Amino acid sequence: MANTFSLLLVIVTLVTGIVWLLEKLVFAKKRQAHVAEIEAQTNGLDALTLKKAQAQPWWIENSVSIFPVIAFVLILRSFIYEPFQIPSGSMMPTLLVGDFILVEKYAYGLKDPVWRTQLVETGKPERGDVVVFKYPPQPSIDYIKRVVGLPGDTVRYSSDKDLCIQTKGESQCKPVKLSNVIESPFVQNGVPMIQLDEKLGAKEHQILINPLRRDRVEAYEPRNGVNEWVVPEGQYFVMGDNRDNSADSRYWGFVPEANLVGKAVGIWISFEFDRDANSILPTWIPTDVRFNRIGGIN
């Protein structure tokens, strides 16, 4: 859907831009010449007739009016910031369903909006970044996760849900620092979640653990039952902050650099959609605004 919208936006911008350019260089001059010819034959025109003769056809008028707006939206959305809505709880407690976030499109390189060919390299993901990317098994879908493993890293995730990372060039795997273990206010399937502070690189954030749920090691990819991954060059290992409720690199593999869309940098609005089962309102209508969630993303 996102790719289709990008393609339509490019087509509309291109069409209206061509009309805008032709109006400036050709159509306007032809109308002026036509008006001058009529005035020469009639010894002048009254104001109403002159206005009609100089008027732009509706399709030119609309294109000229729309083009600057569409072009601005295209540039903003393709190269600077793009809004996304959080559809699932896989990044709780960092991001909740109903959060609307801004994604910095230029963080990991400028790409064309249709074929996503990299035009300019501007940076690489850092450990701990929250990134939006094209889901590798189905690139038409956008996913959001946190970068855990960088190219060349060895990532291990134990049955005790401890994360350990051996960076490229080092001989030992270093456990990721966890602290401030508390019972979370979030409950999933009737089970109170455990909330912890985690530090990945220089970035601190919170994660959720379900104390009663065991990881599905048999479903790990690419090697079923093996809880160790060596991250290939040009790819990244990502995980959700809601560790026991996230379909991530453990289950479908690595994220190629070409699939990166951008870095999630802030929440610009957040809605609640909780309502009674017998409510007559459509499910997409918000029930409340969570103003306390507006701000940056850790």
Protein backbone atom coordinates (compact mmCIF):
# COMPACT_ATOMS: atom_id res chain seq x y z
CA MET A 1 0.00 0.00 0.00
CA ALA A 2 2.83 2.38 0.91
CA ASN A 3 4.62 1.62 -2.38
CA THR A 4 1.40 2.18 -4.35
CA PHE A 5 0.84 5.53 -2.66
CA SER A 6 4.45 6.56 -3.37
CA LEU A 7 4.04 5.64 -7.04
CA LEU A 8 0.75 7.57 -7.32
CA LEU A 9 2.32 10.57 -5.60
CA VAL A 10 5.22 10.56 -8.06
CA ILE A 11 2.89 10.24 -11.07
CA VAL A 12 0.61 13.08 -9.90
CA THR A 13 3.63 15.28 -9.18
CA LEU A 14 5.12 14.53 -12.59
CA VAL A 15 1.87 15.18 -14.50
CA THR A 16 0.98 18.40 -12.67
CA GLY A 17 4.61 19.54 -12.91
CA ILE A 18 4.63 19.13 -16.68
CA VAL A 19 1.36 21.08 -16.96
CA TRP A 20 2.74 23.79 -14.62
CA LEU A 21 5.88 24.11 -16.77
CA LEU A 22 3.93 24.18 -20.05
CA GLU A 23 1.64 26.85 -18.61
CA LYS A 24 4.61 29.04 -17.75
CA LEU A 25 6.42 28.52 -21.07
CA VAL A 26 3.68 27.90 -23.65
CA PHE A 27 0.00 28.08 -22.69
CA ALA A 28 0.06 31.50 -20.97
CA LYS A 29 1.91 33.07 -23.92
CA LYS A 30 -0.59 31.57 -26.39
CA ARG A 31 -3.53 33.02 -24.43
CA GLN A 32 -1.88 36.43 -24.32
CA ALA A 33 -1.25 36.31 -28.07
CA HIS A 34 -4.87 35.27 -28.65
CA VAL A 35 -6.14 38.17 -26.50
CA ALA A 36 -3.87 40.61 -28.35
CA GLU A 37 -5.19 39.33 -31.69
CA ILE A 38 -8.83 39.79 -30.62
CA GLU A 39 -8.13 43.29 -29.26
CA ALA A 40 -6.49 44.27 -32.54
CA GLN A 41 -9.55 43.12 -34.47
CA THR A 42 -12.16 44.68 -32.16
CA ASN A 43 -10.41 47.85 -31.02
CA GLY A 44 -10.38 46.68 -27.37
CA LEU A 45 -12.35 44.36 -25.10
CA ASP A 46 -14.59 45.02 -22.14
CA ALA A 47 -13.38 43.80 -18.74
CA LEU A 48 -15.64 40.71 -18.60
CA THR A 49 -14.68 39.48 -22.06
CA LEU A 50 -11.00 40.15 -21.34
CA LYS A 51 -11.21 38.12 -18.11
CA LYS A 52 -12.82 35.16 -19.92
CA ALA A 53 -10.21 35.24 -22.68
CA GLN A 54 -7.34 35.24 -20.18
CA ALA A 55 -8.85 32.54 -17.93
CA GLN A 56 -6.99 29.24 -17.58
CA PRO A 57 -8.82 26.03 -18.57
CA TRP A 58 -9.95 24.12 -15.45
CA TRP A 59 -7.36 21.36 -15.85
CA ILE A 60 -4.52 23.86 -16.12
CA GLU A 61 -5.80 25.91 -13.19
CA ASN A 62 -6.11 22.81 -10.98
CA SER A 63 -2.70 21.47 -11.98
CA VAL A 64 -0.96 24.80 -11.36
CA SER A 65 -2.62 25.06 -7.94
CA ILE A 66 -1.93 21.46 -6.90
CA PHE A 67 1.64 21.05 -8.15
CA PRO A 68 3.50 23.06 -5.45
CA VAL A 69 1.58 21.29 -2.66
CA ILE A 70 2.05 17.80 -4.12
CA ALA A 71 5.74 18.45 -4.82
CA PHE A 72 6.25 19.61 -1.22
CA VAL A 73 4.50 16.50 0.14
CA LEU A 74 6.57 14.24 -2.14
CA ILE A 75 9.88 15.76 -1.04
CA LEU A 76 8.89 15.78 2.64
CA ARG A 77 7.58 12.21 2.64
CA SER A 78 10.30 10.71 0.43
CA PHE A 79 13.43 12.35 1.81
CA ILE A 80 12.77 14.00 5.18
CA TYR A 81 9.97 12.65 7.42
CA GLU A 82 7.14 10.18 6.92
CA PRO A 83 4.33 9.42 9.39
CA PHE A 84 3.58 5.84 10.45
CA GLN A 85 0.96 4.29 12.70
CA ILE A 86 1.88 1.55 15.17
CA PRO A 87 -0.44 -1.40 14.40
CA SER A 88 0.66 -3.96 17.02
CA GLY A 89 2.09 -4.32 20.52
CA SER A 90 5.43 -5.85 19.49
CA MET A 91 7.34 -2.72 20.55
CA MET A 92 5.67 -2.23 23.93
CA PRO A 93 6.37 -0.46 26.23
CA THR A 94 8.34 1.88 23.91
CA LEU A 95 5.52 2.13 21.35
CA LEU A 96 1.85 1.34 21.84
CA VAL A 97 -0.97 0.57 19.44
CA GLY A 98 -2.41 3.95 18.44
CA ASP A 99 0.92 5.80 18.51
CA PHE A 100 1.56 7.86 15.37
CA ILE A 101 5.28 8.28 14.83
CA LEU A 102 7.63 10.27 12.61
CA VAL A 103 10.30 8.38 10.72
CA GLU A 104 13.46 10.19 9.70
CA LYS A 105 13.86 9.13 6.07
CA TYR A 106 17.36 10.57 5.54
CA ALA A 107 18.94 8.80 8.54
CA TYR A 108 20.24 5.82 6.55
CA GLY A 109 20.53 7.26 3.06
CA LEU A 110 18.39 9.10 0.52
CA LYS A 111 16.46 6.71 -1.74
CA ASP A 112 14.15 7.28 -4.67
CA PRO A 113 10.52 6.90 -3.57
CA VAL A 114 9.49 4.21 -6.09
CA TRP A 115 12.34 1.77 -6.75
CA ARG A 116 14.14 2.63 -3.49
CA THR A 117 17.53 2.88 -5.16
CA GLN A 118 20.00 4.61 -2.86
CA LEU A 119 20.95 8.04 -4.17
CA VAL A 120 23.11 9.36 -1.33
CA GLU A 121 24.53 7.53 1.70
CA THR A 122 23.99 9.52 4.90
CA GLY A 123 24.60 7.03 7.71
CA LYS A 124 24.21 3.52 9.12
CA PRO A 125 21.93 2.16 11.87
CA GLU A 126 23.41 2.07 15.35
CA ARG A 127 22.76 -0.57 17.96
CA GLY A 128 19.58 0.36 19.80
CA ASP A 129 18.01 2.38 16.99
CA VAL A 130 14.27 1.90 16.43
CA VAL A 131 13.97 1.38 12.68
CA VAL A 132 11.19 1.05 10.11
CA PHE A 133 11.96 -1.36 7.29
CA LYS A 134 10.41 -3.39 4.50
CA TYR A 135 9.52 -6.81 5.94
CA PRO A 136 11.96 -9.13 4.09
CA PRO A 137 9.51 -12.02 3.43
CA GLN A 138 6.91 -9.53 2.11
CA PRO A 139 8.49 -6.15 1.20
CA SER A 140 5.13 -4.45 0.62
CA ILE A 141 4.65 -4.44 4.42
CA ASP A 142 6.44 -2.00 6.75
CA TYR A 143 7.75 -3.35 10.08
CA ILE A 144 9.23 -1.56 13.08
CA LYS A 145 11.77 -3.13 15.46
CA ARG A 146 14.93 -2.28 17.40
CA VAL A 147 18.41 -2.93 15.99
CA VAL A 148 20.18 -5.47 18.18
CA GLY A 149 22.89 -6.95 15.97
CA LEU A 150 25.11 -5.09 13.50
CA PRO A 151 26.95 -6.63 10.53
CA GLY A 152 29.57 -9.09 11.78
CA ASP A 153 28.01 -9.49 15.25
CA THR A 154 27.17 -12.82 16.83
CA VAL A 155 23.86 -12.61 18.73
CA ARG A 156 22.75 -15.16 21.32
CA TYR A 157 19.37 -15.28 23.08
CA SER A 158 19.25 -17.82 25.90
CA SER A 159 16.31 -19.84 27.22
CA ASP A 160 16.40 -17.51 30.25
CA LYS A 161 15.74 -14.61 27.84
CA ASP A 162 19.17 -13.09 28.31
CA LEU A 163 20.66 -11.32 25.30
CA CYS A 164 24.38 -11.62 24.60
CA ILE A 165 26.30 -9.92 21.77
CA GLN A 166 29.78 -10.67 20.48
CA THR A 167 30.84 -7.77 18.31
CA LYS A 168 33.01 -8.20 15.25
CA GLY A 169 36.68 -8.57 16.23
CA GLU A 170 36.02 -9.47 19.88
CA SER A 171 36.61 -12.91 21.35
CA GLN A 172 33.89 -12.94 24.00
CA CYS A 173 30.13 -12.53 24.05
CA LYS A 174 29.07 -9.68 26.36
CA PRO A 175 25.69 -9.91 28.10
CA VAL A 176 23.40 -6.93 27.47
CA LYS A 177 22.97 -4.96 30.67
CA LEU A 178 19.56 -5.25 32.36
CA SER A 179 18.40 -3.33 35.44
CA ASN A 180 15.40 -1.96 37.35
CA VAL A 181 13.23 -5.09 37.17
CA ILE A 182 9.61 -4.27 38.07
CA GLU A 183 6.12 -5.63 37.47
CA SER A 184 4.70 -3.84 34.46
CA PRO A 185 1.21 -2.31 34.34
CA PHE A 186 0.77 -4.16 31.03
CA VAL A 187 -1.06 -7.49 31.14
CA GLN A 188 -1.16 -9.93 28.23
CA ASN A 189 -3.48 -12.95 28.18
CA GLY A 190 -4.10 -12.45 31.90
CA VAL A 191 -0.37 -12.52 32.76
CA PRO A 192 1.29 -9.43 34.35
CA MET A 193 4.42 -8.58 32.37
CA ILE A 194 7.89 -7.99 33.78
CA GLN A 195 9.46 -4.68 32.75
CA LEU A 196 13.23 -4.14 32.62
CA ASP A 197 15.64 -1.41 31.60
CA GLU A 198 17.97 -2.58 28.82
CA LYS A 199 21.10 -0.89 27.48
CA LEU A 200 22.13 -1.54 23.89
CA GLY A 201 25.30 0.35 23.09
CA ALA A 202 24.75 3.88 24.41
CA LYS A 203 20.96 3.65 24.23
CA GLU A 204 18.76 2.79 27.21
CA HIS A 205 15.17 1.67 26.82
CA GLN A 206 12.60 -0.60 28.43
CA ILE A 207 11.57 -4.11 27.41
CA LEU A 208 8.76 -6.46 28.43
CA ILE A 209 9.10 -10.13 29.35
CA ASN A 210 6.32 -12.67 29.86
CA PRO A 211 7.58 -14.75 32.82
CA LEU A 212 5.35 -17.71 31.94
CA ARG A 213 6.07 -17.94 28.22
CA ARG A 214 9.00 -19.84 26.78
CA ASP A 215 10.62 -18.80 23.54
CA ARG A 216 9.73 -20.90 20.47
CA VAL A 217 13.31 -22.03 19.80
CA GLU A 218 12.11 -24.70 17.39
CA ALA A 219 10.78 -21.93 15.12
CA TYR A 220 14.05 -19.97 14.97
CA GLU A 221 15.48 -19.15 11.55
CA PRO A 222 17.63 -19.96 9.69
CA ARG A 223 18.54 -22.91 11.95
CA ASN A 224 15.60 -24.37 13.87
CA GLY A 225 16.44 -24.88 17.53
CA VAL A 226 19.70 -22.89 17.40
CA ASN A 227 19.68 -19.68 19.44
CA GLU A 228 22.77 -18.09 17.88
CA TRP A 229 22.93 -15.85 14.82
CA VAL A 230 25.95 -14.47 12.93
CA VAL A 231 24.84 -11.26 11.23
CA PRO A 232 25.99 -11.09 7.58
CA GLU A 233 27.63 -7.99 6.12
CA GLY A 234 25.09 -5.44 4.93
CA GLN A 235 22.33 -6.87 7.15
CA TYR A 236 20.92 -6.32 10.65
CA PHE A 237 19.41 -8.41 13.44
CA VAL A 238 16.30 -6.77 14.93
CA MET A 239 14.01 -7.58 17.85
CA GLY A 240 10.82 -6.18 19.35
CA ASP A 241 10.91 -4.66 22.84
CA ASN A 242 7.96 -6.89 23.75
CA ARG A 243 10.26 -9.90 23.57
CA ASP A 244 7.64 -12.66 23.93
CA ASN A 245 5.15 -11.08 21.54
CA SER A 246 7.26 -10.11 18.55
CA ALA A 247 7.83 -11.73 15.17
CA ASP A 248 11.39 -10.57 14.52
CA SER A 249 14.80 -11.71 13.28
CA ARG A 250 14.65 -14.76 15.52
CA TYR A 251 11.82 -16.13 13.38
CA TRP A 252 12.30 -14.77 9.85
CA GLY A 253 15.94 -13.71 9.53
CA PHE A 254 17.97 -10.57 8.96
CA VAL A 255 17.05 -7.15 7.54
CA PRO A 256 19.06 -6.19 4.43
CA GLU A 257 20.32 -2.63 4.38
CA ALA A 258 18.32 -2.01 1.19
CA ASN A 259 15.08 -2.67 3.13
CA LEU A 260 15.66 0.14 5.64
CA VAL A 261 13.10 2.93 5.43
CA GLY A 262 14.28 5.19 8.24
CA LYS A 263 14.75 5.82 11.94
CA ALA A 264 11.76 6.33 14.26
CA VAL A 265 12.47 9.56 16.12
CA GLY A 266 9.25 10.78 17.74
CA ILE A 267 5.58 10.31 18.57
CA TRP A 268 3.54 13.22 17.20
CA ILE A 269 0.13 12.02 18.45
CA SER A 270 -1.22 8.98 20.29
CA PHE A 271 -4.81 7.70 20.37
CA GLU A 272 -6.66 5.13 22.42
CA PHE A 273 -9.24 2.93 20.72
CA ASP A 274 -10.66 1.11 23.76
CA ARG A 275 -14.44 0.75 23.68
CA ASP A 276 -17.19 -1.62 24.77
CA ALA A 277 -17.96 -4.56 22.51
CA ASN A 278 -21.50 -3.23 21.98
CA SER A 279 -20.34 0.24 20.92
CA ILE A 280 -21.94 1.48 17.70
CA LEU A 281 -18.87 3.56 16.77
CA PRO A 282 -16.46 2.22 14.12
CA THR A 283 -13.26 0.74 15.57
CA TRP A 284 -11.09 3.30 13.77
CA ILE A 285 -12.57 6.25 15.71
CA PRO A 286 -10.33 7.17 18.70
CA THR A 287 -11.79 7.21 22.19
CA ASP A 288 -9.08 9.34 23.82
CA VAL A 289 -5.81 11.19 23.16
CA ARG A 290 -2.69 10.22 25.13
CA PHE A 291 -0.96 13.61 25.25
CA ASN A 292 1.62 12.29 27.74
CA ARG A 293 3.10 10.05 25.04
CA ILE A 294 3.95 12.86 22.60
CA GLY A 295 7.69 13.31 22.30
CA GLY A 296 10.93 11.51 21.41
CA ILE A 297 11.48 7.75 21.21
CA ASN A 298 14.14 6.04 23.31
